[in-house]
Amino acid sequence: MNCGYKPEVASMDMVIAAGFGMAYLKKSGEIVWSEDNKEYEDCITVKDAEEMAAKDPDNDWRFEIIRPLSEVEYQRHDKGKWVLIRTGLGFA
């Protein structure tokens, strides 16, 4: 939906960042990390999120990236497997 390719399964080297927009990592609905004015090189990757989730696997782990005209949400389905579960219109 909308701009750009959205892989069905996120690669471990994917950076969780929007640049112009918002990006969040959530554990059972609570934000545990957000992009909040960070530089791109200071943002986490899916591998970093996986390391956090592996320490506390009995929760619903998800990340969202919201950009102009594009929005994605990935959910951890198994060790090292973050699956695209929702796309949206983004903003603008």
N, C-alpha and C. Protein backbone atom coordinates (compact mmCIF):
# COMPACT_ATOMS: atom_id res chain seq x y z
N MET A 1 0.84 -1.17 0.00
CA MET A 1 0.00 0.00 0.00
C MET A 1 0.89 1.24 0.00
N ASN A 2 0.67 2.12 -0.89
CA ASN A 2 1.36 3.40 -1.00
C ASN A 2 2.83 3.27 -1.38
N CYS A 3 3.67 4.12 -0.84
CA CYS A 3 5.04 4.29 -1.32
C CYS A 3 6.00 3.20 -0.87
N GLY A 4 6.78 2.69 -1.80
CA GLY A 4 7.89 1.81 -1.49
C GLY A 4 7.55 0.36 -1.25
N TYR A 5 8.55 -0.47 -1.41
CA TYR A 5 8.45 -1.90 -1.16
C TYR A 5 8.42 -2.17 0.34
N LYS A 6 7.58 -3.10 0.75
CA LYS A 6 7.45 -3.47 2.16
C LYS A 6 7.65 -4.98 2.26
N PRO A 7 8.82 -5.42 2.73
CA PRO A 7 9.06 -6.86 2.82
C PRO A 7 8.12 -7.54 3.80
N GLU A 8 7.73 -8.76 3.48
CA GLU A 8 6.82 -9.53 4.35
C GLU A 8 7.49 -9.89 5.68
N VAL A 9 8.80 -10.11 5.65
CA VAL A 9 9.58 -10.40 6.85
C VAL A 9 10.73 -9.41 6.89
N ALA A 10 10.88 -8.71 8.02
CA ALA A 10 11.93 -7.70 8.15
C ALA A 10 13.30 -8.37 8.27
N SER A 11 14.28 -7.82 7.57
CA SER A 11 15.65 -8.33 7.69
C SER A 11 16.26 -7.81 8.99
N MET A 12 17.20 -8.55 9.52
CA MET A 12 17.82 -8.17 10.79
C MET A 12 18.59 -6.86 10.70
N ASP A 13 19.03 -6.48 9.49
CA ASP A 13 19.78 -5.24 9.36
C ASP A 13 18.90 -4.03 9.04
N MET A 14 17.59 -4.23 8.97
CA MET A 14 16.66 -3.12 8.74
C MET A 14 16.73 -2.15 9.92
N VAL A 15 16.88 -0.86 9.62
CA VAL A 15 16.92 0.17 10.67
C VAL A 15 15.49 0.60 10.98
N ILE A 16 15.17 0.66 12.26
CA ILE A 16 13.83 1.08 12.70
C ILE A 16 13.88 2.60 12.82
N ALA A 17 13.61 3.25 11.71
CA ALA A 17 13.69 4.71 11.63
C ALA A 17 12.80 5.20 10.51
N ALA A 18 12.23 6.37 10.72
CA ALA A 18 11.39 6.99 9.70
C ALA A 18 12.09 8.18 9.05
N GLY A 19 13.01 8.80 9.78
CA GLY A 19 13.60 10.05 9.27
C GLY A 19 12.59 11.16 9.50
N PHE A 20 11.77 11.40 8.50
CA PHE A 20 10.67 12.36 8.63
C PHE A 20 9.43 11.54 8.97
N GLY A 21 9.11 11.48 10.25
CA GLY A 21 7.99 10.66 10.71
C GLY A 21 8.28 10.15 12.11
N MET A 22 7.79 8.93 12.40
CA MET A 22 7.93 8.35 13.73
C MET A 22 8.24 6.86 13.61
N ALA A 23 9.02 6.37 14.55
CA ALA A 23 9.28 4.93 14.63
C ALA A 23 9.29 4.54 16.11
N TYR A 24 8.68 3.39 16.40
CA TYR A 24 8.56 2.92 17.77
C TYR A 24 8.81 1.42 17.85
N LEU A 25 9.33 0.97 18.97
CA LEU A 25 9.37 -0.44 19.33
C LEU A 25 8.47 -0.57 20.56
N LYS A 26 7.54 -1.53 20.50
CA LYS A 26 6.60 -1.71 21.60
C LYS A 26 6.67 -3.12 22.15
N LYS A 27 6.51 -3.21 23.47
CA LYS A 27 6.41 -4.49 24.17
C LYS A 27 5.03 -4.53 24.81
N SER A 28 4.19 -5.41 24.32
CA SER A 28 2.82 -5.54 24.82
C SER A 28 2.11 -4.18 24.90
N GLY A 29 2.26 -3.39 23.84
CA GLY A 29 1.56 -2.11 23.73
C GLY A 29 2.27 -0.91 24.31
N GLU A 30 3.32 -1.11 25.09
CA GLU A 30 4.05 0.00 25.69
C GLU A 30 5.31 0.31 24.88
N ILE A 31 5.53 1.57 24.61
CA ILE A 31 6.71 1.97 23.85
C ILE A 31 7.95 1.79 24.73
N VAL A 32 8.90 1.00 24.23
CA VAL A 32 10.15 0.79 24.96
C VAL A 32 11.33 1.48 24.27
N TRP A 33 11.12 1.90 23.04
CA TRP A 33 12.13 2.66 22.30
C TRP A 33 11.41 3.50 21.26
N SER A 34 11.88 4.73 21.04
CA SER A 34 11.33 5.54 19.96
C SER A 34 12.44 6.36 19.31
N GLU A 35 12.21 6.69 18.08
CA GLU A 35 13.20 7.43 17.29
C GLU A 35 13.43 8.83 17.83
N ASP A 36 12.41 9.49 18.32
CA ASP A 36 12.46 10.82 18.95
C ASP A 36 13.72 11.65 18.66
N ASN A 37 13.78 12.25 17.52
CA ASN A 37 14.85 13.19 17.14
C ASN A 37 16.25 12.59 17.16
N LYS A 38 16.36 11.29 17.05
CA LYS A 38 17.68 10.66 16.98
C LYS A 38 18.21 10.76 15.55
N GLU A 39 19.51 10.78 15.43
CA GLU A 39 20.14 10.69 14.13
C GLU A 39 19.97 9.26 13.62
N TYR A 40 19.95 9.08 12.32
CA TYR A 40 19.75 7.76 11.72
C TYR A 40 20.74 6.74 12.29
N GLU A 41 22.00 7.12 12.40
CA GLU A 41 23.02 6.17 12.88
C GLU A 41 22.83 5.81 14.35
N ASP A 42 21.99 6.53 15.08
CA ASP A 42 21.72 6.22 16.49
C ASP A 42 20.45 5.39 16.67
N CYS A 43 19.78 5.07 15.58
CA CYS A 43 18.55 4.27 15.66
C CYS A 43 18.89 2.78 15.73
N ILE A 44 17.96 2.03 16.28
CA ILE A 44 18.17 0.59 16.43
C ILE A 44 17.81 -0.15 15.14
N THR A 45 18.31 -1.36 15.03
CA THR A 45 17.97 -2.24 13.93
C THR A 45 17.01 -3.31 14.43
N VAL A 46 16.48 -4.09 13.52
CA VAL A 46 15.63 -5.20 13.91
C VAL A 46 16.44 -6.19 14.75
N LYS A 47 17.71 -6.34 14.46
CA LYS A 47 18.57 -7.21 15.27
C LYS A 47 18.61 -6.73 16.72
N ASP A 48 18.72 -5.41 16.93
CA ASP A 48 18.71 -4.87 18.29
C ASP A 48 17.37 -5.16 18.97
N ALA A 49 16.28 -4.98 18.24
CA ALA A 49 14.95 -5.27 18.78
C ALA A 49 14.82 -6.75 19.11
N GLU A 50 15.37 -7.60 18.26
CA GLU A 50 15.33 -9.04 18.49
C GLU A 50 16.09 -9.41 19.76
N GLU A 51 17.22 -8.77 19.99
CA GLU A 51 17.99 -9.03 21.21
C GLU A 51 17.19 -8.66 22.45
N MET A 52 16.47 -7.54 22.40
CA MET A 52 15.62 -7.14 23.53
C MET A 52 14.49 -8.14 23.72
N ALA A 53 13.84 -8.52 22.62
CA ALA A 53 12.70 -9.44 22.68
C ALA A 53 13.12 -10.83 23.16
N ALA A 54 14.31 -11.27 22.78
CA ALA A 54 14.78 -12.59 23.18
C ALA A 54 14.97 -12.69 24.70
N LYS A 55 15.24 -11.57 25.35
CA LYS A 55 15.41 -11.55 26.80
C LYS A 55 14.07 -11.57 27.54
N ASP A 56 13.00 -11.25 26.82
CA ASP A 56 11.66 -11.16 27.43
C ASP A 56 10.63 -11.63 26.40
N PRO A 57 10.69 -12.91 26.01
CA PRO A 57 9.90 -13.39 24.88
C PRO A 57 8.40 -13.56 25.13
N ASP A 58 7.97 -13.52 26.37
CA ASP A 58 6.56 -13.76 26.68
C ASP A 58 5.71 -12.50 26.57
N ASN A 59 6.04 -11.67 25.61
CA ASN A 59 5.30 -10.44 25.37
C ASN A 59 5.03 -10.31 23.88
N ASP A 60 4.15 -9.39 23.54
CA ASP A 60 3.82 -9.08 22.15
C ASP A 60 4.75 -7.97 21.69
N TRP A 61 5.77 -8.30 20.93
CA TRP A 61 6.75 -7.33 20.45
C TRP A 61 6.40 -6.87 19.05
N ARG A 62 6.38 -5.56 18.84
CA ARG A 62 6.05 -4.97 17.54
C ARG A 62 6.86 -3.71 17.33
N PHE A 63 7.07 -3.37 16.05
CA PHE A 63 7.59 -2.04 15.75
C PHE A 63 6.79 -1.43 14.62
N GLU A 64 6.68 -0.11 14.70
CA GLU A 64 5.95 0.66 13.70
C GLU A 64 6.86 1.73 13.11
N ILE A 65 6.72 1.94 11.83
CA ILE A 65 7.40 3.03 11.15
C ILE A 65 6.33 3.81 10.39
N ILE A 66 6.19 5.08 10.72
CA ILE A 66 5.14 5.92 10.14
C ILE A 66 5.81 7.08 9.42
N ARG A 67 5.58 7.14 8.11
CA ARG A 67 6.19 8.17 7.24
C ARG A 67 5.09 8.82 6.40
N PRO A 68 5.44 9.86 5.67
CA PRO A 68 4.46 10.41 4.73
C PRO A 68 4.06 9.32 3.72
N LEU A 69 2.79 9.10 3.58
CA LEU A 69 2.21 8.18 2.60
C LEU A 69 2.59 6.72 2.80
N SER A 70 3.10 6.35 3.96
CA SER A 70 3.49 4.96 4.20
C SER A 70 3.54 4.68 5.70
N GLU A 71 3.00 3.53 6.06
CA GLU A 71 3.02 3.11 7.46
C GLU A 71 3.09 1.59 7.48
N VAL A 72 3.98 1.04 8.33
CA VAL A 72 4.11 -0.41 8.47
C VAL A 72 4.16 -0.77 9.94
N GLU A 73 3.68 -1.97 10.23
CA GLU A 73 3.80 -2.52 11.57
C GLU A 73 4.25 -3.97 11.42
N TYR A 74 5.32 -4.32 12.14
CA TYR A 74 5.85 -5.67 12.14
C TYR A 74 5.69 -6.25 13.54
N GLN A 75 5.45 -7.55 13.61
CA GLN A 75 5.28 -8.24 14.89
C GLN A 75 6.24 -9.43 14.94
N ARG A 76 6.81 -9.64 16.10
CA ARG A 76 7.71 -10.80 16.28
C ARG A 76 6.86 -12.06 16.36
N HIS A 77 7.08 -12.98 15.44
CA HIS A 77 6.31 -14.22 15.41
C HIS A 77 7.11 -15.42 15.90
N ASP A 78 8.41 -15.30 15.87
CA ASP A 78 9.28 -16.39 16.30
C ASP A 78 10.66 -15.81 16.47
N LYS A 79 11.56 -16.57 17.01
CA LYS A 79 12.93 -16.10 17.19
C LYS A 79 13.49 -15.64 15.83
N GLY A 80 13.83 -14.35 15.77
CA GLY A 80 14.42 -13.80 14.55
C GLY A 80 13.46 -13.58 13.40
N LYS A 81 12.16 -13.69 13.64
CA LYS A 81 11.19 -13.53 12.55
C LYS A 81 10.17 -12.44 12.90
N TRP A 82 10.31 -11.30 12.24
CA TRP A 82 9.43 -10.15 12.42
C TRP A 82 8.61 -9.99 11.15
N VAL A 83 7.30 -10.21 11.26
CA VAL A 83 6.40 -10.32 10.11
C VAL A 83 5.56 -9.06 9.96
N LEU A 84 5.41 -8.62 8.71
CA LEU A 84 4.55 -7.47 8.40
C LEU A 84 3.11 -7.85 8.68
N ILE A 85 2.45 -7.12 9.58
CA ILE A 85 1.06 -7.44 9.92
C ILE A 85 0.09 -6.34 9.52
N ARG A 86 0.63 -5.13 9.22
CA ARG A 86 -0.29 -4.03 8.86
C ARG A 86 0.45 -3.01 8.04
N THR A 87 -0.24 -2.49 7.05
CA THR A 87 0.25 -1.32 6.30
C THR A 87 -0.82 -0.25 6.39
N GLY A 88 -0.41 0.98 6.22
CA GLY A 88 -1.35 2.08 6.31
C GLY A 88 -0.97 3.24 5.41
N LEU A 89 -1.77 4.27 5.48
CA LEU A 89 -1.60 5.44 4.61
C LEU A 89 -0.52 6.39 5.07
N GLY A 90 -0.03 6.24 6.30
CA GLY A 90 0.94 7.20 6.81
C GLY A 90 0.28 8.55 7.05
N PHE A 91 1.03 9.60 6.83
CA PHE A 91 0.46 10.93 7.00
C PHE A 91 0.85 11.79 5.82
N ALA A 92 0.27 12.93 5.73
CA ALA A 92 0.50 13.96 4.70
C ALA A 92 -0.48 13.84 3.54
